[in-house]
C-alpha atoms as a PDB file:
ATOM      1  CA  UNK A   1     -54.663 -15.318  74.412  1.00  0.00           C
ATOM      2  CA  UNK A   2     -51.742 -15.588  72.004  1.00  0.00           C
ATOM      3  CA  UNK A   3     -49.756 -12.401  71.526  1.00  0.00           C
ATOM      4  CA  UNK A   4     -48.783 -12.283  67.870  1.00  0.00           C
ATOM      5  CA  UNK A   5     -45.617 -10.615  66.608  1.00  0.00           C
ATOM      6  CA  UNK A   6     -44.874  -8.829  63.358  1.00  0.00           C
ATOM      7  CA  UNK A   7     -42.432 -10.675  61.095  1.00  0.00           C
ATOM      8  CA  UNK A   8     -39.753  -8.081  60.442  1.00  0.00           C
ATOM      9  CA  UNK A   9     -41.279  -5.115  58.641  1.00  0.00           C
ATOM     10  CA  UNK A  10     -43.791  -7.135  56.610  1.00  0.00           C
ATOM     11  CA  UNK A  11     -46.874  -6.431  58.713  1.00  0.00           C
ATOM     12  CA  UNK A  12     -47.481 -10.189  58.779  1.00  0.00           C
ATOM     13  CA  UNK A  13     -48.377 -11.341  62.300  1.00  0.00           C
ATOM     14  CA  UNK A  14     -47.173 -14.719  63.543  1.00  0.00           C
ATOM     15  CA  UNK A  15     -47.265 -16.599  66.832  1.00  0.00           C
ATOM     16  CA  UNK A  16     -44.142 -16.655  69.052  1.00  0.00           C
ATOM     17  CA  UNK A  17     -44.065 -20.432  68.664  1.00  0.00           C
ATOM     18  CA  UNK A  18     -43.945 -21.826  65.131  1.00  0.00           C
ATOM     19  CA  UNK A  19     -44.906 -25.434  64.478  1.00  0.00           C
ATOM     20  CA  UNK A  20     -41.981 -27.120  62.764  1.00  0.00           C
ATOM     21  CA  UNK A  21     -42.952 -30.074  60.592  1.00  0.00           C
ATOM     22  CA  UNK A  22     -39.586 -31.808  60.236  1.00  0.00           C
ATOM     23  CA  UNK A  23     -40.800 -34.772  62.307  1.00  0.00           C
ATOM     24  CA  UNK A  24     -43.889 -35.390  60.163  1.00  0.00           C
ATOM     25  CA  UNK A  25     -43.247 -38.249  57.736  1.00  0.00           C
ATOM     26  CA  UNK A  26     -40.864 -41.163  57.784  1.00  0.00           C
ATOM     27  CA  UNK A  27     -38.127 -39.112  59.498  1.00  0.00           C
ATOM     28  CA  UNK A  28     -40.306 -39.076  62.633  1.00  0.00           C
ATOM     29  CA  UNK A  29     -44.073 -39.710  62.795  1.00  0.00           C
ATOM     30  CA  UNK A  30     -44.944 -41.832  59.736  1.00  0.00           C
ATOM     31  CA  UNK A  31     -48.707 -41.777  60.329  1.00  0.00           C
ATOM     32  CA  UNK A  32     -50.482 -38.921  58.571  1.00  0.00           C
ATOM     33  CA  UNK A  33     -53.488 -38.893  60.887  1.00  0.00           C
ATOM     34  CA  UNK A  34     -51.297 -38.710  63.990  1.00  0.00           C
ATOM     35  CA  UNK A  35     -49.396 -35.798  62.437  1.00  0.00           C
ATOM     36  CA  UNK A  36     -52.689 -34.094  61.552  1.00  0.00           C
ATOM     37  CA  UNK A  37     -53.855 -34.319  65.158  1.00  0.00           C
ATOM     38  CA  UNK A  38     -50.676 -32.560  66.285  1.00  0.00           C
ATOM     39  CA  UNK A  39     -51.189 -29.847  63.655  1.00  0.00           C
ATOM     40  CA  UNK A  40     -54.832 -29.369  64.664  1.00  0.00           C
ATOM     41  CA  UNK A  41     -53.930 -29.127  68.352  1.00  0.00           C
ATOM     42  CA  UNK A  42     -51.210 -26.563  67.618  1.00  0.00           C
ATOM     43  CA  UNK A  43     -53.604 -24.416  65.599  1.00  0.00           C
ATOM     44  CA  UNK A  44     -56.286 -24.682  68.289  1.00  0.00           C
ATOM     45  CA  UNK A  45     -53.732 -23.460  70.849  1.00  0.00           C
ATOM     46  CA  UNK A  46     -53.196 -20.209  68.926  1.00  0.00           C
ATOM     47  CA  UNK A  47     -50.209 -21.114  66.743  1.00  0.00           C
ATOM     48  CA  UNK A  48     -50.751 -19.713  63.247  1.00  0.00           C
ATOM     49  CA  UNK A  49     -47.302 -20.384  61.798  1.00  0.00           C
ATOM     50  CA  UNK A  50     -46.116 -23.693  60.258  1.00  0.00           C
ATOM     51  CA  UNK A  51     -42.628 -24.298  58.864  1.00  0.00           C
ATOM     52  CA  UNK A  52     -41.597 -27.262  56.735  1.00  0.00           C
ATOM     53  CA  UNK A  53     -39.164 -27.965  53.872  1.00  0.00           C
ATOM     54  CA  UNK A  54     -39.098 -30.041  50.706  1.00  0.00           C
ATOM     55  CA  UNK A  55     -36.235 -32.154  52.010  1.00  0.00           C
ATOM     56  CA  UNK A  56     -38.060 -33.236  55.204  1.00  0.00           C
ATOM     57  CA  UNK A  57     -38.871 -36.910  54.637  1.00  0.00           C
ATOM     58  CA  UNK A  58     -38.243 -36.168  50.948  1.00  0.00           C
ATOM     59  CA  UNK A  59     -41.496 -34.265  50.537  1.00  0.00           C
ATOM     60  CA  UNK A  60     -43.713 -36.331  52.820  1.00  0.00           C
ATOM     61  CA  UNK A  61     -43.736 -33.635  55.505  1.00  0.00           C
ATOM     62  CA  UNK A  62     -45.169 -31.135  53.023  1.00  0.00           C
ATOM     63  CA  UNK A  63     -47.773 -33.691  51.962  1.00  0.00           C
ATOM     64  CA  UNK A  64     -48.834 -34.328  55.569  1.00  0.00           C
ATOM     65  CA  UNK A  65     -49.111 -30.603  56.286  1.00  0.00           C
ATOM     66  CA  UNK A  66     -51.093 -29.961  53.115  1.00  0.00           C
ATOM     67  CA  UNK A  67     -53.500 -32.807  53.806  1.00  0.00           C
ATOM     68  CA  UNK A  68     -54.064 -31.665  57.386  1.00  0.00           C
ATOM     69  CA  UNK A  69     -54.792 -28.084  56.350  1.00  0.00           C
ATOM     70  CA  UNK A  70     -57.120 -29.225  53.575  1.00  0.00           C
ATOM     71  CA  UNK A  71     -59.091 -31.411  55.977  1.00  0.00           C
ATOM     72  CA  UNK A  72     -59.344 -28.721  58.661  1.00  0.00           C
ATOM     73  CA  UNK A  73     -60.149 -25.949  56.186  1.00  0.00           C
ATOM     74  CA  UNK A  74     -57.683 -23.644  57.946  1.00  0.00           C
ATOM     75  CA  UNK A  75     -55.253 -22.914  55.120  1.00  0.00           C
ATOM     76  CA  UNK A  76     -56.278 -19.245  54.970  1.00  0.00           C
ATOM     77  CA  UNK A  77     -55.643 -18.850  58.716  1.00  0.00           C
ATOM     78  CA  UNK A  78     -52.096 -20.214  58.571  1.00  0.00           C
ATOM     79  CA  UNK A  79     -48.830 -18.537  57.657  1.00  0.00           C
ATOM     80  CA  UNK A  80     -47.285 -21.419  55.731  1.00  0.00           C
ATOM     81  CA  UNK A  81     -43.522 -21.559  55.242  1.00  0.00           C
ATOM     82  CA  UNK A  82     -41.360 -24.046  53.397  1.00  0.00           C
ATOM     83  CA  UNK A  83     -37.833 -24.199  52.036  1.00  0.00           C
ATOM     84  CA  UNK A  84     -35.744 -25.392  49.102  1.00  0.00           C
ATOM     85  CA  UNK A  85     -32.044 -26.138  48.550  1.00  0.00           C
ATOM     86  CA  UNK A  86     -31.569 -29.695  49.831  1.00  0.00           C
ATOM     87  CA  UNK A  87     -30.925 -32.772  47.707  1.00  0.00           C
ATOM     88  CA  UNK A  88     -34.214 -34.029  46.228  1.00  0.00           C
ATOM     89  CA  UNK A  89     -32.979 -36.447  43.601  1.00  0.00           C
ATOM     90  CA  UNK A  90     -29.968 -38.067  41.991  1.00  0.00           C
ATOM     91  CA  UNK A  91     -29.596 -35.446  39.267  1.00  0.00           C
ATOM     92  CA  UNK A  92     -26.956 -32.736  39.741  1.00  0.00           C
ATOM     93  CA  UNK A  93     -29.579 -29.989  39.288  1.00  0.00           C
ATOM     94  CA  UNK A  94     -32.099 -31.366  41.782  1.00  0.00           C
ATOM     95  CA  UNK A  95     -30.649 -29.282  44.608  1.00  0.00           C
ATOM     96  CA  UNK A  96     -29.078 -25.915  45.326  1.00  0.00           C
ATOM     97  CA  UNK A  97     -30.121 -22.310  44.785  1.00  0.00           C
ATOM     98  CA  UNK A  98     -30.126 -21.963  40.997  1.00  0.00           C
ATOM     99  CA  UNK A  99     -33.027 -20.416  39.073  1.00  0.00           C
ATOM    100  CA  UNK A 100     -33.695 -23.716  37.349  1.00  0.00           C
ATOM    101  CA  UNK A 101     -34.006 -25.672  40.578  1.00  0.00           C
ATOM    102  CA  UNK A 102     -35.946 -23.013  42.483  1.00  0.00           C
ATOM    103  CA  UNK A 103     -38.578 -22.885  39.740  1.00  0.00           C
ATOM    104  CA  UNK A 104     -38.942 -26.666  39.770  1.00  0.00           C
ATOM    105  CA  UNK A 105     -38.789 -26.978  43.549  1.00  0.00           C
ATOM    106  CA  UNK A 106     -41.529 -24.434  44.192  1.00  0.00           C
ATOM    107  CA  UNK A 107     -43.904 -26.190  41.812  1.00  0.00           C
ATOM    108  CA  UNK A 108     -43.223 -29.477  43.587  1.00  0.00           C
ATOM    109  CA  UNK A 109     -43.845 -27.889  46.989  1.00  0.00           C
ATOM    110  CA  UNK A 110     -47.071 -26.214  45.862  1.00  0.00           C
ATOM    111  CA  UNK A 111     -48.341 -29.562  44.592  1.00  0.00           C
ATOM    112  CA  UNK A 112     -47.403 -31.454  47.760  1.00  0.00           C
ATOM    113  CA  UNK A 113     -48.851 -28.752  50.017  1.00  0.00           C
ATOM    114  CA  UNK A 114     -52.036 -28.604  47.959  1.00  0.00           C
ATOM    115  CA  UNK A 115     -52.005 -24.804  47.864  1.00  0.00           C
ATOM    116  CA  UNK A 116     -51.824 -22.049  45.270  1.00  0.00           C
ATOM    117  CA  UNK A 117     -49.331 -19.969  47.225  1.00  0.00           C
ATOM    118  CA  UNK A 118     -46.610 -20.204  49.851  1.00  0.00           C
ATOM    119  CA  UNK A 119     -46.551 -17.437  52.440  1.00  0.00           C
ATOM    120  CA  UNK A 120     -42.827 -17.657  53.181  1.00  0.00           C
ATOM    121  CA  UNK A 121     -40.406 -19.394  50.816  1.00  0.00           C
ATOM    122  CA  UNK A 122     -36.928 -19.790  52.291  1.00  0.00           C
ATOM    123  CA  UNK A 123     -33.522 -20.763  50.954  1.00  0.00           C
ATOM    124  CA  UNK A 124     -32.471 -23.562  53.301  1.00  0.00           C
ATOM    125  CA  UNK A 125     -28.702 -23.000  53.163  1.00  0.00           C
ATOM    126  CA  UNK A 126     -26.194 -20.848  51.284  1.00  0.00           C
ATOM    127  CA  UNK A 127     -24.953 -22.209  47.959  1.00  0.00           C
ATOM    128  CA  UNK A 128     -21.410 -21.018  47.194  1.00  0.00           C
ATOM    129  CA  UNK A 129     -21.796 -22.189  43.581  1.00  0.00           C
ATOM    130  CA  UNK A 130     -24.704 -19.820  42.892  1.00  0.00           C
ATOM    131  CA  UNK A 131     -24.577 -16.036  42.735  1.00  0.00           C
ATOM    132  CA  UNK A 132     -27.051 -14.606  45.242  1.00  0.00           C
ATOM    133  CA  UNK A 133     -28.435 -12.337  42.505  1.00  0.00           C
ATOM    134  CA  UNK A 134     -29.408 -15.459  40.541  1.00  0.00           C
ATOM    135  CA  UNK A 135     -31.289 -16.765  43.564  1.00  0.00           C
ATOM    136  CA  UNK A 136     -32.974 -13.468  44.413  1.00  0.00           C
ATOM    137  CA  UNK A 137     -33.931 -12.940  40.770  1.00  0.00           C
ATOM    138  CA  UNK A 138     -35.715 -16.285  40.651  1.00  0.00           C
ATOM    139  CA  UNK A 139     -37.457 -15.658  43.968  1.00  0.00           C
ATOM    140  CA  UNK A 140     -38.530 -12.177  42.830  1.00  0.00           C
ATOM    141  CA  UNK A 141     -40.202 -13.702  39.774  1.00  0.00           C
ATOM    142  CA  UNK A 142     -42.086 -16.146  42.026  1.00  0.00           C
ATOM    143  CA  UNK A 143     -43.355 -13.277  44.171  1.00  0.00           C
ATOM    144  CA  UNK A 144     -44.510 -11.359  41.072  1.00  0.00           C
ATOM    145  CA  UNK A 145     -46.227 -14.501  39.780  1.00  0.00           C
ATOM    146  CA  UNK A 146     -48.191 -14.754  43.029  1.00  0.00           C
ATOM    147  CA  UNK A 147     -46.803 -18.176  43.939  1.00  0.00           C
ATOM    148  CA  UNK A 148     -44.841 -16.818  46.904  1.00  0.00           C
ATOM    149  CA  UNK A 149     -45.717 -13.932  49.233  1.00  0.00           C
ATOM    150  CA  UNK A 150     -42.395 -13.384  51.057  1.00  0.00           C
ATOM    151  CA  UNK A 151     -38.874 -14.802  50.859  1.00  0.00           C
ATOM    152  CA  UNK A 152     -36.337 -15.634  53.536  1.00  0.00           C
ATOM    153  CA  UNK A 153     -33.007 -17.296  54.236  1.00  0.00           C
ATOM    154  CA  UNK A 154     -32.023 -20.058  56.635  1.00  0.00           C
ATOM    155  CA  UNK A 155     -28.713 -20.606  58.412  1.00  0.00           C
ATOM    156  CA  UNK A 156     -26.958 -17.816  56.518  1.00  0.00           C
ATOM    157  CA  UNK A 157     -23.917 -16.292  58.237  1.00  0.00           C
ATOM    158  CA  UNK A 158     -24.097 -12.550  58.829  1.00  0.00           C
ATOM    159  CA  UNK A 159     -21.907 -11.583  55.881  1.00  0.00           C
ATOM    160  CA  UNK A 160     -24.120 -13.520  53.465  1.00  0.00           C
ATOM    161  CA  UNK A 161     -27.217 -11.868  54.907  1.00  0.00           C
ATOM    162  CA  UNK A 162     -25.633  -8.470  54.230  1.00  0.00           C
ATOM    163  CA  UNK A 163     -24.573  -9.526  50.732  1.00  0.00           C
ATOM    164  CA  UNK A 164     -28.134 -10.568  49.923  1.00  0.00           C
ATOM    165  CA  UNK A 165     -29.598  -7.309  51.246  1.00  0.00           C
ATOM    166  CA  UNK A 166     -27.150  -5.259  49.200  1.00  0.00           C
ATOM    167  CA  UNK A 167     -27.802  -7.296  46.060  1.00  0.00           C
ATOM    168  CA  UNK A 168     -31.552  -6.855  46.454  1.00  0.00           C
ATOM    169  CA  UNK A 169     -31.213  -3.099  46.840  1.00  0.00           C
ATOM    170  CA  UNK A 170     -28.709  -2.765  43.996  1.00  0.00           C
ATOM    171  CA  UNK A 171     -30.783  -4.807  41.528  1.00  0.00           C
ATOM    172  CA  UNK A 172     -34.256  -3.780  42.746  1.00  0.00           C
ATOM    173  CA  UNK A 173     -35.063  -7.365  43.714  1.00  0.00           C
ATOM    174  CA  UNK A 174     -37.227  -8.781  46.484  1.00  0.00           C
ATOM    175  CA  UNK A 175     -35.210  -8.985  49.691  1.00  0.00           C
ATOM    176  CA  UNK A 176     -35.085 -11.655  52.362  1.00  0.00           C
ATOM    177  CA  UNK A 177     -37.551 -10.512  55.018  1.00  0.00           C
ATOM    178  CA  UNK A 178     -36.391 -13.011  57.637  1.00  0.00           C
ATOM    179  CA  UNK A 179     -33.586 -15.348  58.621  1.00  0.00           C
ATOM    180  CA  UNK A 180     -33.943 -18.777  60.229  1.00  0.00           C
ATOM    181  CA  UNK A 181     -30.814 -19.588  62.296  1.00  0.00           C
ATOM    182  CA  UNK A 182     -30.125 -22.169  65.024  1.00  0.00           C
ATOM    183  CA  UNK A 183     -30.465 -20.707  68.522  1.00  0.00           C
ATOM    184  CA  UNK A 184     -30.713 -22.104  72.034  1.00  0.00           C
ATOM    185  CA  UNK A 185     -29.133 -21.536  75.452  1.00  0.00           C
ATOM    186  CA  UNK A 186     -26.381 -23.939  74.320  1.00  0.00           C
ATOM    187  CA  UNK A 187     -25.854 -22.347  70.896  1.00  0.00           C
ATOM    188  CA  UNK A 188     -25.741 -18.572  71.249  1.00  0.00           C
ATOM    189  CA  UNK A 189     -23.217 -17.697  68.561  1.00  0.00           C
ATOM    190  CA  UNK A 190     -25.755 -15.769  66.474  1.00  0.00           C
ATOM    191  CA  UNK A 191     -26.067 -13.183  69.244  1.00  0.00           C
ATOM    192  CA  UNK A 192     -22.708 -11.773  68.138  1.00  0.00           C
ATOM    193  CA  UNK A 193     -23.535 -11.105  64.501  1.00  0.00           C
ATOM    194  CA  UNK A 194     -26.622 -12.665  62.884  1.00  0.00           C
ATOM    195  CA  UNK A 195     -29.166 -11.209  65.309  1.00  0.00           C
ATOM    196  CA  UNK A 196     -27.740  -7.651  65.256  1.00  0.00           C
ATOM    197  CA  UNK A 197     -27.561  -7.856  61.451  1.00  0.00           C
ATOM    198  CA  UNK A 198     -31.190  -8.972  61.230  1.00  0.00           C
ATOM    199  CA  UNK A 199     -32.201  -6.058  63.440  1.00  0.00           C
ATOM    200  CA  UNK A 200     -30.170  -3.655  61.324  1.00  0.00           C
ATOM    201  CA  UNK A 201     -32.065  -4.692  58.181  1.00  0.00           C
ATOM    202  CA  UNK A 202     -35.493  -4.987  59.801  1.00  0.00           C
ATOM    203  CA  UNK A 203     -35.634  -8.752  59.288  1.00  0.00           C
ATOM    204  CA  UNK A 204     -37.718 -11.173  61.265  1.00  0.00           C
ATOM    205  CA  UNK A 205     -35.922 -14.086  62.915  1.00  0.00           C
ATOM    206  CA  UNK A 206     -37.369 -17.596  63.225  1.00  0.00           C
ATOM    207  CA  UNK A 207     -35.006 -19.750  65.262  1.00  0.00           C
ATOM    208  CA  UNK A 208     -34.629 -23.491  64.847  1.00  0.00           C
ATOM    209  CA  UNK A 209     -33.440 -26.093  67.361  1.00  0.00           C
ATOM    210  CA  UNK A 210     -34.352 -24.035  70.453  1.00  0.00           C
ATOM    211  CA  UNK A 211     -34.081 -27.273  72.478  1.00  0.00           C
ATOM    212  CA  UNK A 212     -30.617 -27.948  71.051  1.00  0.00           C
ATOM    213  CA  UNK A 213     -31.576 -31.146  69.264  1.00  0.00           C
ATOM    214  CA  UNK A 214     -33.010 -32.689  72.434  1.00  0.00           C
ATOM    215  CA  UNK A 215     -30.242 -31.657  74.819  1.00  0.00           C
ATOM    216  CA  UNK A 216     -32.640 -29.289  76.610  1.00  0.00           C
ATOM    217  CA  UNK A 217     -35.619 -31.616  77.005  1.00  0.00           C
ATOM    218  CA  UNK A 218     -34.495 -32.918  80.398  1.00  0.00           C
ATOM    219  CA  UNK A 219     -33.340 -36.259  79.024  1.00  0.00           C
ATOM    220  CA  UNK A 220     -29.661 -35.279  79.067  1.00  0.00           C
ATOM    221  CA  UNK A 221     -28.650 -35.117  82.741  1.00  0.00           C
ATOM    222  CA  UNK A 222     -25.434 -35.952  84.521  1.00  0.00           C
ATOM    223  CA  UNK A 223     -25.425 -39.325  86.233  1.00  0.00           C
ATOM    224  CA  UNK A 224     -28.103 -40.723  83.932  1.00  0.00           C
ATOM    225  CA  UNK A 225     -27.855 -43.003  80.915  1.00  0.00           C
ATOM    226  CA  UNK A 226     -27.965 -40.762  77.867  1.00  0.00           C
ATOM    227  CA  UNK A 227     -30.625 -41.500  75.239  1.00  0.00           C
ATOM    228  CA  UNK A 228     -29.606 -43.339  72.095  1.00  0.00           C
ATOM    229  CA  UNK A 229     -31.612 -42.071  69.140  1.00  0.00           C
ATOM    230  CA  UNK A 230     -31.436 -42.210  65.375  1.00  0.00           C
ATOM    231  CA  UNK A 231     -30.449 -38.558  65.419  1.00  0.00           C
ATOM    232  CA  UNK A 232     -27.543 -39.173  67.786  1.00  0.00           C
ATOM    233  CA  UNK A 233     -26.403 -42.093  65.643  1.00  0.00           C
ATOM    234  CA  UNK A 234     -26.537 -40.030  62.451  1.00  0.00           C
ATOM    235  CA  UNK A 235     -24.930 -36.907  63.959  1.00  0.00           C
ATOM    236  CA  UNK A 236     -22.202 -38.157  66.280  1.00  0.00           C
ATOM    237  CA  UNK A 237     -20.390 -34.821  66.190  1.00  0.00           C
ATOM    238  CA  UNK A 238     -23.355 -33.333  68.081  1.00  0.00           C
ATOM    239  CA  UNK A 239     -23.892 -36.195  70.562  1.00  0.00           C
ATOM    240  CA  UNK A 240     -20.708 -38.249  70.997  1.00  0.00           C
ATOM    241  CA  UNK A 241     -19.684 -37.765  74.627  1.00  0.00           C
ATOM    242  CA  UNK A 242     -16.064 -38.414  73.749  1.00  0.00           C
ATOM    243  CA  UNK A 243     -16.031 -34.924  72.216  1.00  0.00           C
ATOM    244  CA  UNK A 244     -15.194 -31.996  74.477  1.00  0.00           C
ATOM    245  CA  UNK A 245     -17.932 -29.802  73.005  1.00  0.00           C
ATOM    246  CA  UNK A 246     -20.606 -32.322  73.963  1.00  0.00           C
ATOM    247  CA  UNK A 247     -19.171 -32.668  77.451  1.00  0.00           C
ATOM    248  CA  UNK A 248     -19.556 -28.903  77.816  1.00  0.00           C
ATOM    249  CA  UNK A 249     -23.153 -29.178  76.611  1.00  0.00           C
ATOM    250  CA  UNK A 250     -23.967 -31.847  79.206  1.00  0.00           C
ATOM    251  CA  UNK A 251     -22.497 -29.740  81.997  1.00  0.00           C
ATOM    252  CA  UNK A 252     -24.473 -26.692  80.883  1.00  0.00           C
ATOM    253  CA  UNK A 253     -27.671 -28.692  80.376  1.00  0.00           C
ATOM    254  CA  UNK A 254     -27.403 -29.968  83.944  1.00  0.00           C
ATOM    255  CA  UNK A 255     -26.969 -26.466  85.358  1.00  0.00           C
ATOM    256  CA  UNK A 256     -29.846 -25.137  83.255  1.00  0.00           C
ATOM    257  CA  UNK A 257     -32.079 -27.991  84.453  1.00  0.00           C
ATOM    258  CA  UNK A 258     -31.320 -27.077  88.062  1.00  0.00           C
ATOM    259  CA  UNK A 259     -32.097 -23.429  87.296  1.00  0.00           C
ATOM    260  CA  UNK A 260     -35.425 -24.419  85.722  1.00  0.00           C
ATOM    261  CA  UNK A 261     -36.339 -26.436  88.811  1.00  0.00           C
ATOM    262  CA  UNK A 262     -35.496 -23.498  91.061  1.00  0.00           C
ATOM    263  CA  UNK A 263     -37.585 -21.225  88.840  1.00  0.00           C
ATOM    264  CA  UNK A 264     -40.569 -23.581  88.991  1.00  0.00           C
ATOM    265  CA  UNK A 265     -40.778 -24.396  85.301  1.00  0.00           C
ATOM    266  CA  UNK A 266     -39.569 -27.206  83.071  1.00  0.00           C
ATOM    267  CA  UNK A 267     -36.261 -27.090  81.232  1.00  0.00           C
ATOM    268  CA  UNK A 268     -38.227 -27.116  77.985  1.00  0.00           C
ATOM    269  CA  UNK A 269     -40.164 -24.035  79.051  1.00  0.00           C
ATOM    270  CA  UNK A 270     -36.994 -22.298  80.224  1.00  0.00           C
ATOM    271  CA  UNK A 271     -35.191 -22.946  76.947  1.00  0.00           C
ATOM    272  CA  UNK A 272     -38.035 -21.878  74.662  1.00  0.00           C
ATOM    273  CA  UNK A 273     -38.839 -18.826  76.765  1.00  0.00           C
ATOM    274  CA  UNK A 274     -35.168 -17.835  76.628  1.00  0.00           C
ATOM    275  CA  UNK A 275     -35.101 -17.814  72.826  1.00  0.00           C
ATOM    276  CA  UNK A 276     -38.296 -15.835  72.315  1.00  0.00           C
ATOM    277  CA  UNK A 277     -37.244 -13.269  74.942  1.00  0.00           C
ATOM    278  CA  UNK A 278     -34.409 -12.020  72.713  1.00  0.00           C
ATOM    279  CA  UNK A 279     -35.450  -8.712  71.188  1.00  0.00           C
ATOM    280  CA  UNK A 280     -34.507  -9.782  67.650  1.00  0.00           C
ATOM    281  CA  UNK A 281     -36.332 -13.137  67.695  1.00  0.00           C
ATOM    282  CA  UNK A 282     -39.823 -13.229  66.214  1.00  0.00           C
ATOM    283  CA  UNK A 283     -40.655 -16.897  66.702  1.00  0.00           C
ATOM    284  CA  UNK A 284     -39.097 -20.162  67.855  1.00  0.00           C
ATOM    285  CA  UNK A 285     -39.702 -23.347  65.893  1.00  0.00           C
ATOM    286  CA  UNK A 286     -40.887 -26.310  67.932  1.00  0.00           C
ATOM    287  CA  UNK A 287     -40.630 -29.713  66.265  1.00  0.00           C
ATOM    288  CA  UNK A 288     -42.827 -32.211  68.123  1.00  0.00           C
ATOM    289  CA  UNK A 289     -42.981 -35.818  66.989  1.00  0.00           C
ATOM    290  CA  UNK A 290     -45.739 -36.754  69.430  1.00  0.00           C
ATOM    291  CA  UNK A 291     -48.674 -35.047  71.087  1.00  0.00           C
ATOM    292  CA  UNK A 292     -46.834 -35.366  74.394  1.00  0.00           C
ATOM    293  CA  UNK A 293     -43.921 -33.406  72.958  1.00  0.00           C
ATOM    294  CA  UNK A 294     -46.281 -30.671  71.766  1.00  0.00           C
ATOM    295  CA  UNK A 295     -48.100 -30.371  75.086  1.00  0.00           C
ATOM    296  CA  UNK A 296     -44.788 -30.005  76.920  1.00  0.00           C
ATOM    297  CA  UNK A 297     -43.761 -27.121  74.651  1.00  0.00           C
ATOM    298  CA  UNK A 298     -46.946 -25.063  74.304  1.00  0.00           C
ATOM    299  CA  UNK A 299     -46.836 -23.508  77.820  1.00  0.00           C
ATOM    300  CA  UNK A 300     -43.530 -21.773  76.998  1.00  0.00           C
ATOM    301  CA  UNK A 301     -45.368 -19.122  74.998  1.00  0.00           C
ATOM    302  CA  UNK A 302     -46.802 -17.811  78.258  1.00  0.00           C
ATOM    303  CA  UNK A 303     -43.536 -17.843  80.227  1.00  0.00           C
ATOM    304  CA  UNK A 304     -41.636 -14.600  80.680  1.00  0.00           C
ATOM    305  CA  UNK A 305     -38.247 -15.070  82.266  1.00  0.00           C
ATOM    306  CA  UNK A 306     -37.089 -12.460  84.757  1.00  0.00           C
ATOM    307  CA  UNK A 307     -33.871 -10.549  84.237  1.00  0.00           C
ATOM    308  CA  UNK A 308     -32.391 -12.435  87.195  1.00  0.00           C
ATOM    309  CA  UNK A 309     -33.019 -15.786  85.492  1.00  0.00           C
ATOM    310  CA  UNK A 310     -31.638 -14.475  82.186  1.00  0.00           C
ATOM    311  CA  UNK A 311     -28.537 -13.262  84.031  1.00  0.00           C
ATOM    312  CA  UNK A 312     -28.026 -16.740  85.478  1.00  0.00           C
ATOM    313  CA  UNK A 313     -28.345 -18.286  82.021  1.00  0.00           C
ATOM    314  CA  UNK A 314     -25.648 -15.839  80.879  1.00  0.00           C
ATOM    315  CA  UNK A 315     -23.411 -17.125  83.692  1.00  0.00           C
ATOM    316  CA  UNK A 316     -23.901 -20.732  82.558  1.00  0.00           C
ATOM    317  CA  UNK A 317     -23.382 -20.047  78.835  1.00  0.00           C
ATOM    318  CA  UNK A 318     -21.947 -16.590  78.119  1.00  0.00           C
ATOM    319  CA  UNK A 319     -23.668 -14.475  75.433  1.00  0.00           C
ATOM    320  CA  UNK A 320     -22.410 -15.174  71.911  1.00  0.00           C
ATOM    321  CA  UNK A 321     -21.069 -18.623  72.880  1.00  0.00           C
ATOM    322  CA  UNK A 322     -21.812 -21.863  71.045  1.00  0.00           C
ATOM    323  CA  UNK A 323     -20.494 -24.743  73.127  1.00  0.00           C
ATOM    324  CA  UNK A 324     -20.079 -27.110  70.185  1.00  0.00           C
ATOM    325  CA  UNK A 325     -19.380 -25.626  66.751  1.00  0.00           C
ATOM    326  CA  UNK A 326     -21.139 -28.610  65.152  1.00  0.00           C
ATOM    327  CA  UNK A 327     -24.389 -26.968  66.280  1.00  0.00           C
ATOM    328  CA  UNK A 328     -23.976 -23.944  64.001  1.00  0.00           C
ATOM    329  CA  UNK A 329     -25.901 -25.691  61.213  1.00  0.00           C
ATOM    330  CA  UNK A 330     -23.608 -24.769  58.309  1.00  0.00           C
ATOM    331  CA  UNK A 331     -19.879 -24.849  57.780  1.00  0.00           C
ATOM    332  CA  UNK A 332     -18.249 -22.577  55.216  1.00  0.00           C
ATOM    333  CA  UNK A 333     -16.665 -24.750  52.501  1.00  0.00           C
ATOM    334  CA  UNK A 334     -13.340 -22.992  53.099  1.00  0.00           C
ATOM    335  CA  UNK A 335     -13.084 -24.767  56.449  1.00  0.00           C
ATOM    336  CA  UNK A 336     -13.575 -28.222  54.999  1.00  0.00           C
ATOM    337  CA  UNK A 337     -11.575 -28.007  51.769  1.00  0.00           C
ATOM    338  CA  UNK A 338      -7.904 -27.144  52.206  1.00  0.00           C
ATOM    339  CA  UNK A 339      -7.605 -26.248  48.521  1.00  0.00           C
ATOM    340  CA  UNK A 340      -9.871 -23.252  49.133  1.00  0.00           C
ATOM    341  CA  UNK A 341      -7.447 -21.891  51.703  1.00  0.00           C
ATOM    342  CA  UNK A 342      -4.165 -22.373  49.846  1.00  0.00           C
ATOM    343  CA  UNK A 343      -2.706 -20.545  46.913  1.00  0.00           C
ATOM    344  CA  UNK A 344      -1.843 -23.021  44.102  1.00  0.00           C
END
């Protein structure tokens, strides 16, 4: 039986594994019926939480999810989450966190999902060009209109999470009830600040990339030919073995795989169980492209790692350590633009 967890202080109960829909659509599985079978199997297993975003396959993921839920008749049983912020068109205002775009984006998502409301509407990334009060004001109006039940952030650094909480309190606006950061045994940086901050403000935490973008599936092992995928081609900074950070990831992945074998579970189960064992984490997002992927991930919900195993993971990758900074999910613009660091 699935043991559901409360999302922050909302009272909303969600499964410890959340079905991520990024791979549904032309980014991954282009067949709607195949995607629907994965969704149905996940729901039958006890998962009641689905996360997608408008930018995934440029809206096709939302369409696939909406069609699957309509066919199964299980919309009311599902906590449905989606996100806005990413580029959805050529126009300069078809992206970001402005009131204008949020109002348009939510209508587009509601239409694609075939629903009257979104349970959790998240801001996919920070937008330095938009005041957070502008964003929270727009989201508050959506909650009051009944189009959105709760709001959250994704891949926000700790200081921006605090800024948003303060702005909400100061202006009597809806607050972010959860944060969605990247987290895995190879990317533990959020343990130092984001997770304690989320706990401090009573926020739920839904972690993405708990398998480190495939590094913790068992396919990345020393002495083997490393897989060549579209993702590795598009994101060389996260996969190019000429980079020291990725060499460190391969070494750690090998040691974690050995630990999983000694523990009697798969590396996938070890990695997912690690993330959902953290006291601040509500749910981990799994992103299967195939039914085989899903079946390999579902057992992790029933795995509870011993303190001895957790201690050994800490020895392999120390707490608060991200082996490759490219895995943090968002880079402050001040690090990429020298003009933002230098006085004119």
